[in-house]
Structures are given as structure tokens and as C-alpha cells.
Amino acid sequence: MEQFGQQALVSLFVNIVVLVTVWWSLQTFKWDLFVADPDGPKAKALVILVAIAITHLVSSFLLNYFNWSTMLRHLF
């Protein structure tokens, strides 16, 4: 049962670190090329949704890679 708690803690930490990194990197993107009002609420909602989507993809990859690498010890 303790292992599930540790895995949840690692997952939360990875998700938060990836979210901050994605948010930081999206701030350099020129949104005014794609949206009419880049400072409007719709554009901000779009940035939030894009950040969440990219965070999900990247953190899922990292956590799956971590889980698979820990399962390799059962191969031999």
C-alpha cells in the first residue's frame, strides 16, 4: 500500500514540474499570429488548455518510461 502512495507522490511531482515547464515555454509563443485578441479571456483559456494537453502527453510519456524501466528488473 505504501508503494501506491509513493507512486502517487512521484506522479504529482512529475506533473507539476512538467506543467511549470510547459507553461514557461508557452509564454514565448506568439499567440497573436493565431488569435485575434491574444490578451482576451478566450485566448488565455486556449493557452491553459494547450498547456494541460501538452503536460498530459509529456508527463504520461515520462511516467510510462519510468514504470517500464523499473519493470525491466523482472526480465532477468
C-alpha atoms as a PDB file:
ATOM      1  CA  MET A   1       0.000   0.000   0.000  1.00  0.00           C
ATOM      2  CA  GLU A   2       2.933   2.310   0.704  1.00  0.00           C
ATOM      3  CA  GLN A   3       4.162   1.796  -2.853  1.00  0.00           C
ATOM      4  CA  PHE A   4       0.924   3.276  -4.229  1.00  0.00           C
ATOM      5  CA  GLY A   5       1.407   6.372  -2.108  1.00  0.00           C
ATOM      6  CA  GLN A   6       4.975   6.778  -3.303  1.00  0.00           C
ATOM      7  CA  GLN A   7       3.904   6.313  -6.907  1.00  0.00           C
ATOM      8  CA  ALA A   8       1.163   8.929  -6.468  1.00  0.00           C
ATOM      9  CA  LEU A   9       3.649  11.365  -4.952  1.00  0.00           C
ATOM     10  CA  VAL A  10       6.085  10.872  -7.850  1.00  0.00           C
ATOM     11  CA  SER A  11       3.255  11.293 -10.360  1.00  0.00           C
ATOM     12  CA  LEU A  12       2.107  14.533  -8.751  1.00  0.00           C
ATOM     13  CA  PHE A  13       5.647  15.887  -8.652  1.00  0.00           C
ATOM     14  CA  VAL A  14       6.310  14.997 -12.299  1.00  0.00           C
ATOM     15  CA  ASN A  15       3.011  16.520 -13.419  1.00  0.00           C
ATOM     16  CA  ILE A  16       3.667  19.776 -11.582  1.00  0.00           C
ATOM     17  CA  VAL A  17       7.241  20.073 -12.853  1.00  0.00           C
ATOM     18  CA  VAL A  18       6.146  19.367 -16.426  1.00  0.00           C
ATOM     19  CA  LEU A  19       3.222  21.813 -16.137  1.00  0.00           C
ATOM     20  CA  VAL A  20       5.502  24.607 -14.955  1.00  0.00           C
ATOM     21  CA  THR A  21       7.980  23.844 -17.739  1.00  0.00           C
ATOM     22  CA  VAL A  22       5.270  23.757 -20.413  1.00  0.00           C
ATOM     23  CA  TRP A  23       3.671  26.965 -19.113  1.00  0.00           C
ATOM     24  CA  TRP A  24       7.072  28.684 -19.092  1.00  0.00           C
ATOM     25  CA  SER A  25       7.830  27.558 -22.637  1.00  0.00           C
ATOM     26  CA  LEU A  26       4.403  28.586 -23.960  1.00  0.00           C
ATOM     27  CA  GLN A  27       4.968  32.150 -22.773  1.00  0.00           C
ATOM     28  CA  THR A  28       7.479  32.672 -25.598  1.00  0.00           C
ATOM     29  CA  PHE A  29       5.000  31.540 -28.268  1.00  0.00           C
ATOM     30  CA  LYS A  30       3.482  34.322 -30.413  1.00  0.00           C
ATOM     31  CA  TRP A  31      -0.226  33.743 -29.915  1.00  0.00           C
ATOM     32  CA  ASP A  32      -1.133  36.937 -31.781  1.00  0.00           C
ATOM     33  CA  LEU A  33      -0.396  35.111 -35.040  1.00  0.00           C
ATOM     34  CA  PHE A  34      -3.246  32.655 -34.371  1.00  0.00           C
ATOM     35  CA  VAL A  35      -5.845  34.508 -32.294  1.00  0.00           C
ATOM     36  CA  ALA A  36      -7.450  37.889 -32.896  1.00  0.00           C
ATOM     37  CA  ASP A  37      -7.195  39.137 -29.297  1.00  0.00           C
ATOM     38  CA  PRO A  38      -4.214  37.458 -27.589  1.00  0.00           C
ATOM     39  CA  ASP A  39      -4.941  39.204 -24.269  1.00  0.00           C
ATOM     40  CA  GLY A  40      -8.615  38.225 -24.206  1.00  0.00           C
ATOM     41  CA  PRO A  41     -10.168  35.559 -21.983  1.00  0.00           C
ATOM     42  CA  LYS A  42     -10.685  33.119 -24.849  1.00  0.00           C
ATOM     43  CA  ALA A  43      -7.011  33.258 -25.780  1.00  0.00           C
ATOM     44  CA  LYS A  44      -5.998  32.747 -22.143  1.00  0.00           C
ATOM     45  CA  ALA A  45      -8.328  29.744 -21.909  1.00  0.00           C
ATOM     46  CA  LEU A  46      -6.737  28.365 -25.082  1.00  0.00           C
ATOM     47  CA  VAL A  47      -3.252  28.736 -23.585  1.00  0.00           C
ATOM     48  CA  ILE A  48      -4.380  26.939 -20.419  1.00  0.00           C
ATOM     49  CA  LEU A  49      -5.937  24.080 -22.392  1.00  0.00           C
ATOM     50  CA  VAL A  50      -2.873  23.726 -24.620  1.00  0.00           C
ATOM     51  CA  ALA A  51      -0.628  23.698 -21.542  1.00  0.00           C
ATOM     52  CA  ILE A  52      -2.744  20.996 -19.903  1.00  0.00           C
ATOM     53  CA  ALA A  53      -2.800  18.898 -23.087  1.00  0.00           C
ATOM     54  CA  ILE A  54       0.959  19.079 -23.612  1.00  0.00           C
ATOM     55  CA  THR A  55       1.549  18.422 -19.915  1.00  0.00           C
ATOM     56  CA  HIS A  56      -0.595  15.299 -20.081  1.00  0.00           C
ATOM     57  CA  LEU A  57       1.284  13.979 -23.110  1.00  0.00           C
ATOM     58  CA  VAL A  58       4.767  14.663 -21.747  1.00  0.00           C
ATOM     59  CA  SER A  59       4.118  13.518 -18.184  1.00  0.00           C
ATOM     60  CA  SER A  60       2.379  10.357 -19.394  1.00  0.00           C
ATOM     61  CA  PHE A  61       5.401   9.549 -21.522  1.00  0.00           C
ATOM     62  CA  LEU A  62       7.830  10.197 -18.654  1.00  0.00           C
ATOM     63  CA  LEU A  63       5.828   8.206 -16.108  1.00  0.00           C
ATOM     64  CA  ASN A  64       5.321   5.293 -18.503  1.00  0.00           C
ATOM     65  CA  TYR A  65       9.029   5.290 -19.296  1.00  0.00           C
ATOM     66  CA  PHE A  66       9.841   5.278 -15.585  1.00  0.00           C
ATOM     67  CA  ASN A  67       7.403   2.426 -14.882  1.00  0.00           C
ATOM     68  CA  TRP A  68       8.663   0.362 -17.796  1.00  0.00           C
ATOM     69  CA  SER A  69      12.292   0.874 -16.786  1.00  0.00           C
ATOM     70  CA  THR A  70      11.535  -0.301 -13.246  1.00  0.00           C
ATOM     71  CA  MET A  71       9.815  -3.410 -14.641  1.00  0.00           C
ATOM     72  CA  LEU A  72      12.945  -4.385 -16.591  1.00  0.00           C
ATOM     73  CA  ARG A  73      14.429  -5.933 -13.449  1.00  0.00           C
ATOM     74  CA  HIS A  74      11.823  -8.697 -13.762  1.00  0.00           C
ATOM     75  CA  LEU A  75      13.177  -9.628 -17.198  1.00  0.00           C
ATOM     76  CA  PHE A  76      16.263 -11.410 -15.890  1.00  0.00           C
END
